[in-house]
Amino acid sequence: MRIKITFRLSGKKQVLPLNYQYPVSAWIYKVLARGDAELALMLHEEGYRLENGKTFKLFTFSQLHFPARTFNIIPGTDRMELWSRNAWIIIAFQLPKPAEKFVLGLFRDQQVELGDRVSMVNMEVETVEMLAEPDLTGQEVTIRSLSPVVLAENKPDTRHETYLSPLDPAYERLFFGNLLDKHRLFSNTPDQMEALWETGKLTFKCLTKQPRQKLQVIKAHTSEEVRVRGYLFEYALTAPAALIQTGLNSGFGSMNALGFGCGEVVGVHTPNLT
């Protein structure tokens, strides 16, 4: 399930933190809690759990989009000035079909305050639209990232995880390992997907020569501040439609519920069998 939310702003100058992902995530949890407090609490505190202990929140969202020439990044700061009258965002959820219309309705007519202790932006939800599912029958798709994709690895002799570029040789293995874990939560045929990986029939290829690196600060200006590095790029996937759909609905890579790994299909191709 993927929805597009359009916001209405006053058109007067406001100041938004560049690190707005955490406030957006908190707003989504707040909206969900109004309709289903147990669901919101479970997603926030734990998420869906695999037998190996890994947990996933199974939703993601894009960056905020503003019309051209209605914003300006303030030099030397982590802020942007806005004088836009509208904005939009895409939010994606991996949900059972019966729950989709219920969740869609929760976002209508909502007031939104996004920001931190330094500055805040006020918006109102103007429209909420469910997006059509892309045709994935070709099995080879091109995806454009709408928010940075994050993958990290514990490398030998390092104290902290290393954030990987999509050009890293280990990226494909980690990418599909993460995606297969998510798919296993709802799939009736997880072993079949694992077999496709083992036989080399799942492929990832970065199509952007120089992926754009983006450093995002979570809980900025607090004692819990964390810096996360992700990348914006286009990539080609060869995989069954169901596996690709899992990524579109729940996010590719990690930390999806904080606004990482949202993507859109920009091309579908028939596999070359010759």
C-alpha atoms as a PDB file:
ATOM      1  CA  MET A   1       0.000   0.000   0.000  1.00  0.00           C
ATOM      2  CA  ARG A   2       1.420   3.369  -1.069  1.00  0.00           C
ATOM      3  CA  ILE A   3      -0.269   6.697  -0.415  1.00  0.00           C
ATOM      4  CA  LYS A   4       0.500  10.237  -1.519  1.00  0.00           C
ATOM      5  CA  ILE A   5      -0.297  12.966   0.994  1.00  0.00           C
ATOM      6  CA  THR A   6      -0.508  16.585  -0.101  1.00  0.00           C
ATOM      7  CA  PHE A   7      -0.099  19.235   2.593  1.00  0.00           C
ATOM      8  CA  ARG A   8      -1.365  22.811   2.684  1.00  0.00           C
ATOM      9  CA  LEU A   9       0.901  25.512   4.113  1.00  0.00           C
ATOM     10  CA  SER A  10       0.246  29.177   4.852  1.00  0.00           C
ATOM     11  CA  GLY A  11       2.683  30.552   2.274  1.00  0.00           C
ATOM     12  CA  LYS A  12       4.300  32.631   5.007  1.00  0.00           C
ATOM     13  CA  LYS A  13       7.972  32.110   5.787  1.00  0.00           C
ATOM     14  CA  GLN A  14       8.640  29.131   8.073  1.00  0.00           C
ATOM     15  CA  VAL A  15      11.867  27.323   8.998  1.00  0.00           C
ATOM     16  CA  LEU A  16      12.138  23.531   8.718  1.00  0.00           C
ATOM     17  CA  PRO A  17      15.039  21.395  10.004  1.00  0.00           C
ATOM     18  CA  LEU A  18      16.870  19.573   7.224  1.00  0.00           C
ATOM     19  CA  ASN A  19      16.840  16.561   9.557  1.00  0.00           C
ATOM     20  CA  TYR A  20      13.060  16.214   9.505  1.00  0.00           C
ATOM     21  CA  GLN A  21      12.842  12.406   9.077  1.00  0.00           C
ATOM     22  CA  TYR A  22      12.460  11.642  12.776  1.00  0.00           C
ATOM     23  CA  PRO A  23       9.634  14.195  13.273  1.00  0.00           C
ATOM     24  CA  VAL A  24       7.817  12.795  10.218  1.00  0.00           C
ATOM     25  CA  SER A  25       8.170   9.260  11.586  1.00  0.00           C
ATOM     26  CA  ALA A  26       6.839  10.392  14.972  1.00  0.00           C
ATOM     27  CA  TRP A  27       3.834  12.018  13.268  1.00  0.00           C
ATOM     28  CA  ILE A  28       3.026   8.772  11.397  1.00  0.00           C
ATOM     29  CA  TYR A  29       3.059   6.813  14.663  1.00  0.00           C
ATOM     30  CA  LYS A  30       0.827   9.451  16.229  1.00  0.00           C
ATOM     31  CA  VAL A  31      -1.719   9.200  13.409  1.00  0.00           C
ATOM     32  CA  LEU A  32      -1.739   5.399  13.598  1.00  0.00           C
ATOM     33  CA  ALA A  33      -2.222   5.530  17.374  1.00  0.00           C
ATOM     34  CA  ARG A  34      -5.441   7.507  16.963  1.00  0.00           C
ATOM     35  CA  GLY A  35      -6.975   4.613  15.042  1.00  0.00           C
ATOM     36  CA  ASP A  36      -5.219   1.565  16.516  1.00  0.00           C
ATOM     37  CA  ALA A  37      -3.155   2.230  19.642  1.00  0.00           C
ATOM     38  CA  GLU A  38      -1.992  -1.390  19.879  1.00  0.00           C
ATOM     39  CA  LEU A  39      -0.700  -1.411  16.285  1.00  0.00           C
ATOM     40  CA  ALA A  40       1.129   1.894  16.748  1.00  0.00           C
ATOM     41  CA  LEU A  41       2.711   0.746  20.028  1.00  0.00           C
ATOM     42  CA  MET A  42       3.804  -2.565  18.541  1.00  0.00           C
ATOM     43  CA  LEU A  43       5.378  -0.883  15.510  1.00  0.00           C
ATOM     44  CA  HIS A  44       7.104   1.770  17.601  1.00  0.00           C
ATOM     45  CA  GLU A  45       8.438  -0.443  20.375  1.00  0.00           C
ATOM     46  CA  GLU A  46       9.166  -3.729  18.603  1.00  0.00           C
ATOM     47  CA  GLY A  47       7.882  -4.250  15.072  1.00  0.00           C
ATOM     48  CA  TYR A  48       7.347  -7.586  13.367  1.00  0.00           C
ATOM     49  CA  ARG A  49       9.759 -10.235  14.644  1.00  0.00           C
ATOM     50  CA  LEU A  50      11.394 -13.168  12.855  1.00  0.00           C
ATOM     51  CA  GLU A  51      12.349 -16.375  14.627  1.00  0.00           C
ATOM     52  CA  ASN A  52      16.004 -15.245  14.597  1.00  0.00           C
ATOM     53  CA  GLY A  53      15.111 -12.141  16.623  1.00  0.00           C
ATOM     54  CA  LYS A  54      15.361  -9.584  13.795  1.00  0.00           C
ATOM     55  CA  THR A  55      12.580  -6.993  13.820  1.00  0.00           C
ATOM     56  CA  PHE A  56      11.100  -4.811  11.079  1.00  0.00           C
ATOM     57  CA  LYS A  57       8.594  -1.930  11.197  1.00  0.00           C
ATOM     58  CA  LEU A  58       7.464  -2.497   7.569  1.00  0.00           C
ATOM     59  CA  PHE A  59       6.715   1.060   6.525  1.00  0.00           C
ATOM     60  CA  THR A  60       8.724   3.818   4.937  1.00  0.00           C
ATOM     61  CA  PHE A  61       8.313   7.279   3.431  1.00  0.00           C
ATOM     62  CA  SER A  62       9.883   9.570   0.878  1.00  0.00           C
ATOM     63  CA  GLN A  63      11.561  12.897   1.344  1.00  0.00           C
ATOM     64  CA  LEU A  64       9.261  15.909   1.538  1.00  0.00           C
ATOM     65  CA  HIS A  65       8.777  17.640  -1.809  1.00  0.00           C
ATOM     66  CA  PHE A  66       8.185  21.377  -2.256  1.00  0.00           C
ATOM     67  CA  PRO A  67       7.554  23.334  -5.472  1.00  0.00           C
ATOM     68  CA  ALA A  68      10.623  24.870  -7.092  1.00  0.00           C
ATOM     69  CA  ARG A  69      11.658  28.318  -5.857  1.00  0.00           C
ATOM     70  CA  THR A  70       9.579  28.054  -2.666  1.00  0.00           C
ATOM     71  CA  PHE A  71      12.407  27.092  -0.315  1.00  0.00           C
ATOM     72  CA  ASN A  72      15.998  27.959   0.413  1.00  0.00           C
ATOM     73  CA  ILE A  73      18.649  26.174   2.478  1.00  0.00           C
ATOM     74  CA  ILE A  74      20.078  28.649   4.986  1.00  0.00           C
ATOM     75  CA  PRO A  75      23.896  28.674   4.516  1.00  0.00           C
ATOM     76  CA  GLY A  76      25.911  27.321   7.429  1.00  0.00           C
ATOM     77  CA  THR A  77      22.892  25.826   9.200  1.00  0.00           C
ATOM     78  CA  ASP A  78      20.826  22.633   9.288  1.00  0.00           C
ATOM     79  CA  ARG A  79      17.670  24.600   8.357  1.00  0.00           C
ATOM     80  CA  MET A  80      15.675  25.536   5.295  1.00  0.00           C
ATOM     81  CA  GLU A  81      13.329  28.488   4.812  1.00  0.00           C
ATOM     82  CA  LEU A  82       9.928  27.731   3.293  1.00  0.00           C
ATOM     83  CA  TRP A  83       7.358  30.034   1.791  1.00  0.00           C
ATOM     84  CA  SER A  84       5.518  27.297  -0.097  1.00  0.00           C
ATOM     85  CA  ARG A  85       1.744  26.869  -0.051  1.00  0.00           C
ATOM     86  CA  ASN A  86       1.919  23.101  -0.543  1.00  0.00           C
ATOM     87  CA  ALA A  87       4.116  20.039  -0.176  1.00  0.00           C
ATOM     88  CA  TRP A  88       3.774  16.290  -0.639  1.00  0.00           C
ATOM     89  CA  ILE A  89       5.150  12.996   0.605  1.00  0.00           C
ATOM     90  CA  ILE A  90       4.716   9.295  -0.205  1.00  0.00           C
ATOM     91  CA  ILE A  91       4.193   6.810   2.632  1.00  0.00           C
ATOM     92  CA  ALA A  92       4.257   3.050   2.050  1.00  0.00           C
ATOM     93  CA  PHE A  93       3.016   0.258   4.315  1.00  0.00           C
ATOM     94  CA  GLN A  94       3.174  -3.527   4.176  1.00  0.00           C
ATOM     95  CA  LEU A  95      -0.361  -4.238   5.412  1.00  0.00           C
ATOM     96  CA  PRO A  96      -3.066  -6.870   4.983  1.00  0.00           C
ATOM     97  CA  LYS A  97      -5.565  -5.743   2.314  1.00  0.00           C
ATOM     98  CA  PRO A  98      -8.491  -5.335   4.780  1.00  0.00           C
ATOM     99  CA  ALA A  99      -6.497  -2.772   6.780  1.00  0.00           C
ATOM    100  CA  GLU A 100      -5.535  -0.511   3.874  1.00  0.00           C
ATOM    101  CA  LYS A 101      -8.685   1.622   3.618  1.00  0.00           C
ATOM    102  CA  PHE A 102      -8.795   1.988   7.403  1.00  0.00           C
ATOM    103  CA  VAL A 103      -5.213   3.299   7.545  1.00  0.00           C
ATOM    104  CA  LEU A 104      -5.797   5.540   4.512  1.00  0.00           C
ATOM    105  CA  GLY A 105      -8.674   7.267   6.315  1.00  0.00           C
ATOM    106  CA  LEU A 106      -6.603   7.956   9.418  1.00  0.00           C
ATOM    107  CA  PHE A 107      -4.451  10.498   7.574  1.00  0.00           C
ATOM    108  CA  ARG A 108      -7.313  12.649   6.296  1.00  0.00           C
ATOM    109  CA  ASP A 109      -7.866  16.124   7.827  1.00  0.00           C
ATOM    110  CA  GLN A 110      -4.809  15.926  10.064  1.00  0.00           C
ATOM    111  CA  GLN A 111      -2.849  18.844  11.485  1.00  0.00           C
ATOM    112  CA  VAL A 112       0.924  18.441  11.254  1.00  0.00           C
ATOM    113  CA  GLU A 113       3.724  20.081  13.233  1.00  0.00           C
ATOM    114  CA  LEU A 114       7.192  19.142  12.006  1.00  0.00           C
ATOM    115  CA  GLY A 115      10.403  20.290  13.594  1.00  0.00           C
ATOM    116  CA  ASP A 116      12.485  20.260  16.743  1.00  0.00           C
ATOM    117  CA  ARG A 117      13.292  22.501  19.690  1.00  0.00           C
ATOM    118  CA  VAL A 118      14.887  25.057  17.343  1.00  0.00           C
ATOM    119  CA  SER A 119      12.199  25.543  14.655  1.00  0.00           C
ATOM    120  CA  MET A 120       8.818  24.184  13.609  1.00  0.00           C
ATOM    121  CA  VAL A 121       6.635  24.121  10.478  1.00  0.00           C
ATOM    122  CA  ASN A 122       2.828  23.885  10.560  1.00  0.00           C
ATOM    123  CA  MET A 123       0.918  22.106   7.802  1.00  0.00           C
ATOM    124  CA  GLU A 124      -2.531  20.625   7.176  1.00  0.00           C
ATOM    125  CA  VAL A 125      -3.336  17.479   5.209  1.00  0.00           C
ATOM    126  CA  GLU A 126      -5.162  18.572   2.065  1.00  0.00           C
ATOM    127  CA  THR A 127      -5.545  15.302   0.146  1.00  0.00           C
ATOM    128  CA  VAL A 128      -4.759  11.624   0.689  1.00  0.00           C
ATOM    129  CA  GLU A 129      -4.525   9.432  -2.417  1.00  0.00           C
ATOM    130  CA  MET A 130      -3.843   5.705  -2.718  1.00  0.00           C
ATOM    131  CA  LEU A 131      -1.358   5.119  -5.526  1.00  0.00           C
ATOM    132  CA  ALA A 132      -1.882   2.407  -8.127  1.00  0.00           C
ATOM    133  CA  GLU A 133       0.341  -0.633  -7.804  1.00  0.00           C
ATOM    134  CA  PRO A 134       2.978  -0.817 -10.556  1.00  0.00           C
ATOM    135  CA  ASP A 135       2.912  -3.632 -13.107  1.00  0.00           C
ATOM    136  CA  LEU A 136       5.810  -5.881 -12.101  1.00  0.00           C
ATOM    137  CA  THR A 137       5.186  -8.795 -14.448  1.00  0.00           C
ATOM    138  CA  GLY A 138       8.447  -8.252 -16.319  1.00  0.00           C
ATOM    139  CA  GLN A 139      10.510  -9.195 -13.211  1.00  0.00           C
ATOM    140  CA  GLU A 140      13.273  -6.773 -14.199  1.00  0.00           C
ATOM    141  CA  VAL A 141      12.558  -3.303 -12.862  1.00  0.00           C
ATOM    142  CA  THR A 142      14.328   0.019 -12.527  1.00  0.00           C
ATOM    143  CA  ILE A 143      13.751   1.772  -9.216  1.00  0.00           C
ATOM    144  CA  ARG A 144      14.525   5.365  -8.261  1.00  0.00           C
ATOM    145  CA  SER A 145      15.148   6.027  -4.587  1.00  0.00           C
ATOM    146  CA  LEU A 146      12.786   8.631  -3.091  1.00  0.00           C
ATOM    147  CA  SER A 147      14.710   8.658   0.175  1.00  0.00           C
ATOM    148  CA  PRO A 148      18.271   7.490   0.902  1.00  0.00           C
ATOM    149  CA  VAL A 149      18.882   3.731   1.018  1.00  0.00           C
ATOM    150  CA  VAL A 150      20.839   2.659   4.103  1.00  0.00           C
ATOM    151  CA  LEU A 151      22.856  -0.546   4.425  1.00  0.00           C
ATOM    152  CA  ALA A 152      25.613  -1.137   6.950  1.00  0.00           C
ATOM    153  CA  GLU A 153      28.037  -3.941   7.732  1.00  0.00           C
ATOM    154  CA  ASN A 154      30.195  -4.873  10.711  1.00  0.00           C
ATOM    155  CA  LYS A 155      33.661  -5.089   9.192  1.00  0.00           C
ATOM    156  CA  PRO A 156      36.692  -6.671  10.900  1.00  0.00           C
ATOM    157  CA  ASP A 157      38.712  -4.432  13.231  1.00  0.00           C
ATOM    158  CA  THR A 158      36.064  -1.701  13.347  1.00  0.00           C
ATOM    159  CA  ARG A 159      34.099  -0.663  16.425  1.00  0.00           C
ATOM    160  CA  HIS A 160      31.087   0.650  14.535  1.00  0.00           C
ATOM    161  CA  GLU A 161      29.057  -0.406  11.536  1.00  0.00           C
ATOM    162  CA  THR A 162      30.284   0.830   8.152  1.00  0.00           C
ATOM    163  CA  TYR A 163      27.647   2.407   5.904  1.00  0.00           C
ATOM    164  CA  LEU A 164      28.022   1.009   2.407  1.00  0.00           C
ATOM    165  CA  SER A 165      27.823   2.682  -0.977  1.00  0.00           C
ATOM    166  CA  PRO A 166      25.707   0.819  -3.564  1.00  0.00           C
ATOM    167  CA  LEU A 167      28.963   0.416  -5.511  1.00  0.00           C
ATOM    168  CA  ASP A 168      30.445  -1.748  -2.718  1.00  0.00           C
ATOM    169  CA  PRO A 169      30.934  -5.428  -3.722  1.00  0.00           C
ATOM    170  CA  ALA A 170      29.066  -6.564  -0.577  1.00  0.00           C
ATOM    171  CA  TYR A 171      26.014  -4.412  -1.273  1.00  0.00           C
ATOM    172  CA  GLU A 172      23.973  -6.912  -3.322  1.00  0.00           C
ATOM    173  CA  ARG A 173      24.307  -9.638  -0.677  1.00  0.00           C
ATOM    174  CA  LEU A 174      23.200  -7.342   2.152  1.00  0.00           C
ATOM    175  CA  PHE A 175      20.443  -5.792   0.035  1.00  0.00           C
ATOM    176  CA  PHE A 176      18.769  -9.120  -0.703  1.00  0.00           C
ATOM    177  CA  GLY A 177      19.452 -10.546   2.749  1.00  0.00           C
ATOM    178  CA  ASN A 178      17.462  -7.664   4.243  1.00  0.00           C
ATOM    179  CA  LEU A 179      14.689  -7.879   1.640  1.00  0.00           C
ATOM    180  CA  LEU A 180      14.288 -11.657   2.008  1.00  0.00           C
ATOM    181  CA  ASP A 181      13.984 -11.287   5.795  1.00  0.00           C
ATOM    182  CA  LYS A 182      11.113  -8.817   5.359  1.00  0.00           C
ATOM    183  CA  HIS A 183       9.397 -10.983   2.792  1.00  0.00           C
ATOM    184  CA  ARG A 184       9.610 -14.009   5.082  1.00  0.00           C
ATOM    185  CA  LEU A 185       7.297 -12.317   7.591  1.00  0.00           C
ATOM    186  CA  PHE A 186       4.286 -12.535   5.293  1.00  0.00           C
ATOM    187  CA  SER A 187       5.250 -15.056   2.605  1.00  0.00           C
ATOM    188  CA  ASN A 188       3.969 -18.601   2.302  1.00  0.00           C
ATOM    189  CA  THR A 189       6.952 -19.573   0.125  1.00  0.00           C
ATOM    190  CA  PRO A 190      10.089 -18.109   1.771  1.00  0.00           C
ATOM    191  CA  ASP A 191      12.230 -21.125   0.837  1.00  0.00           C
ATOM    192  CA  GLN A 192      11.541 -20.572  -2.863  1.00  0.00           C
ATOM    193  CA  MET A 193      12.851 -17.010  -2.646  1.00  0.00           C
ATOM    194  CA  GLU A 194      15.945 -18.165  -0.745  1.00  0.00           C
ATOM    195  CA  ALA A 195      16.584 -20.723  -3.497  1.00  0.00           C
ATOM    196  CA  LEU A 196      16.479 -18.003  -6.142  1.00  0.00           C
ATOM    197  CA  TRP A 197      19.217 -16.119  -4.280  1.00  0.00           C
ATOM    198  CA  GLU A 198      21.320 -19.245  -3.864  1.00  0.00           C
ATOM    199  CA  THR A 199      21.124 -19.961  -7.589  1.00  0.00           C
ATOM    200  CA  GLY A 200      21.985 -16.409  -8.649  1.00  0.00           C
ATOM    201  CA  LYS A 201      18.548 -15.505  -9.997  1.00  0.00           C
ATOM    202  CA  LEU A 202      18.139 -12.409  -7.813  1.00  0.00           C
ATOM    203  CA  THR A 203      20.272  -9.532  -9.058  1.00  0.00           C
ATOM    204  CA  PHE A 204      20.938  -5.918  -8.074  1.00  0.00           C
ATOM    205  CA  LYS A 205      22.748  -3.347 -10.219  1.00  0.00           C
ATOM    206  CA  CYS A 206      23.394   0.292  -9.379  1.00  0.00           C
ATOM    207  CA  LEU A 207      22.646   2.375 -12.483  1.00  0.00           C
ATOM    208  CA  THR A 208      23.939   5.692 -11.128  1.00  0.00           C
ATOM    209  CA  LYS A 209      27.643   6.273 -11.755  1.00  0.00           C
ATOM    210  CA  GLN A 210      28.025   8.507  -8.705  1.00  0.00           C
ATOM    211  CA  PRO A 211      25.301   7.780  -6.119  1.00  0.00           C
ATOM    212  CA  ARG A 212      24.486  10.876  -4.066  1.00  0.00           C
ATOM    213  CA  GLN A 213      25.554  10.459  -0.468  1.00  0.00           C
ATOM    214  CA  LYS A 214      23.296  11.959   2.171  1.00  0.00           C
ATOM    215  CA  LEU A 215      24.060  12.265   5.870  1.00  0.00           C
ATOM    216  CA  GLN A 216      20.962  12.421   8.061  1.00  0.00           C
ATOM    217  CA  VAL A 217      20.924  13.201  11.782  1.00  0.00           C
ATOM    218  CA  ILE A 218      18.293  11.386  13.832  1.00  0.00           C
ATOM    219  CA  LYS A 219      17.124  13.142  17.024  1.00  0.00           C
ATOM    220  CA  ALA A 220      19.303  16.143  16.185  1.00  0.00           C
ATOM    221  CA  HIS A 221      20.299  18.484  19.021  1.00  0.00           C
ATOM    222  CA  THR A 222      19.599  15.859  21.703  1.00  0.00           C
ATOM    223  CA  SER A 223      21.753  13.519  23.762  1.00  0.00           C
ATOM    224  CA  GLU A 224      20.454  10.632  21.592  1.00  0.00           C
ATOM    225  CA  GLU A 225      21.664  12.148  18.317  1.00  0.00           C
ATOM    226  CA  VAL A 226      22.685   9.546  15.702  1.00  0.00           C
ATOM    227  CA  ARG A 227      24.232  10.172  12.293  1.00  0.00           C
ATOM    228  CA  VAL A 228      23.098   7.902   9.458  1.00  0.00           C
ATOM    229  CA  ARG A 229      24.569   7.745   5.957  1.00  0.00           C
ATOM    230  CA  GLY A 230      22.471   6.677   2.978  1.00  0.00           C
ATOM    231  CA  TYR A 231      22.546   7.044  -0.793  1.00  0.00           C
ATOM    232  CA  LEU A 232      20.172   8.315  -3.495  1.00  0.00           C
ATOM    233  CA  PHE A 233      20.458   6.484  -6.826  1.00  0.00           C
ATOM    234  CA  GLU A 234      18.668   4.400  -9.448  1.00  0.00           C
ATOM    235  CA  TYR A 235      19.051   0.640  -9.533  1.00  0.00           C
ATOM    236  CA  ALA A 236      17.900  -2.398 -11.493  1.00  0.00           C
ATOM    237  CA  LEU A 237      16.435  -5.458  -9.764  1.00  0.00           C
ATOM    238  CA  THR A 238      15.738  -8.892 -11.146  1.00  0.00           C
ATOM    239  CA  ALA A 239      13.363 -10.671  -8.769  1.00  0.00           C
ATOM    240  CA  PRO A 240       9.813 -12.061  -8.552  1.00  0.00           C
ATOM    241  CA  ALA A 241       7.075  -9.441  -8.417  1.00  0.00           C
ATOM    242  CA  ALA A 242       6.092 -10.400  -4.865  1.00  0.00           C
ATOM    243  CA  LEU A 243       9.598  -9.759  -3.541  1.00  0.00           C
ATOM    244  CA  ILE A 244       9.880  -6.392  -5.304  1.00  0.00           C
ATOM    245  CA  GLN A 245       6.453  -5.407  -3.964  1.00  0.00           C
ATOM    246  CA  THR A 246       7.624  -6.177  -0.429  1.00  0.00           C
ATOM    247  CA  GLY A 247      10.457  -3.687  -0.890  1.00  0.00           C
ATOM    248  CA  LEU A 248       8.188  -1.018  -2.357  1.00  0.00           C
ATOM    249  CA  ASN A 249       5.735  -1.352   0.539  1.00  0.00           C
ATOM    250  CA  SER A 250       8.145  -1.747   3.443  1.00  0.00           C
ATOM    251  CA  GLY A 251      11.301  -0.072   2.152  1.00  0.00           C
ATOM    252  CA  PHE A 252      14.631  -1.239   0.737  1.00  0.00           C
ATOM    253  CA  GLY A 253      17.606  -1.465   3.052  1.00  0.00           C
ATOM    254  CA  SER A 254      17.406  -0.713   6.764  1.00  0.00           C
ATOM    255  CA  MET A 255      15.920   1.941   9.094  1.00  0.00           C
ATOM    256  CA  ASN A 256      12.876   2.271   6.822  1.00  0.00           C
ATOM    257  CA  ALA A 257      10.478   3.599   9.475  1.00  0.00           C
ATOM    258  CA  LEU A 258      12.802   6.595   9.884  1.00  0.00           C
ATOM    259  CA  GLY A 259      12.327   7.556   6.248  1.00  0.00           C
ATOM    260  CA  PHE A 260      14.989   5.524   4.463  1.00  0.00           C
ATOM    261  CA  GLY A 261      14.687   3.205   1.467  1.00  0.00           C
ATOM    262  CA  CYS A 262      11.481   4.478  -0.139  1.00  0.00           C
ATOM    263  CA  GLY A 263      11.499   3.919  -3.898  1.00  0.00           C
ATOM    264  CA  GLU A 264       9.375   4.113  -7.036  1.00  0.00           C
ATOM    265  CA  VAL A 265       9.366   2.014 -10.193  1.00  0.00           C
ATOM    266  CA  VAL A 266      10.452   3.987 -13.248  1.00  0.00           C
ATOM    267  CA  GLY A 267      10.877   1.094 -15.687  1.00  0.00           C
ATOM    268  CA  VAL A 268       9.809  -2.530 -16.168  1.00  0.00           C
ATOM    269  CA  HIS A 269      11.600  -4.869 -18.570  1.00  0.00           C
ATOM    270  CA  THR A 270      11.176  -8.372 -19.945  1.00  0.00           C
ATOM    271  CA  PRO A 271      14.078 -10.622 -18.927  1.00  0.00           C
ATOM    272  CA  ASN A 272      16.583 -11.397 -21.683  1.00  0.00           C
ATOM    273  CA  LEU A 273      16.614 -15.195 -21.914  1.00  0.00           C
ATOM    274  CA  THR A 274      19.047 -15.488 -24.820  1.00  0.00           C
END
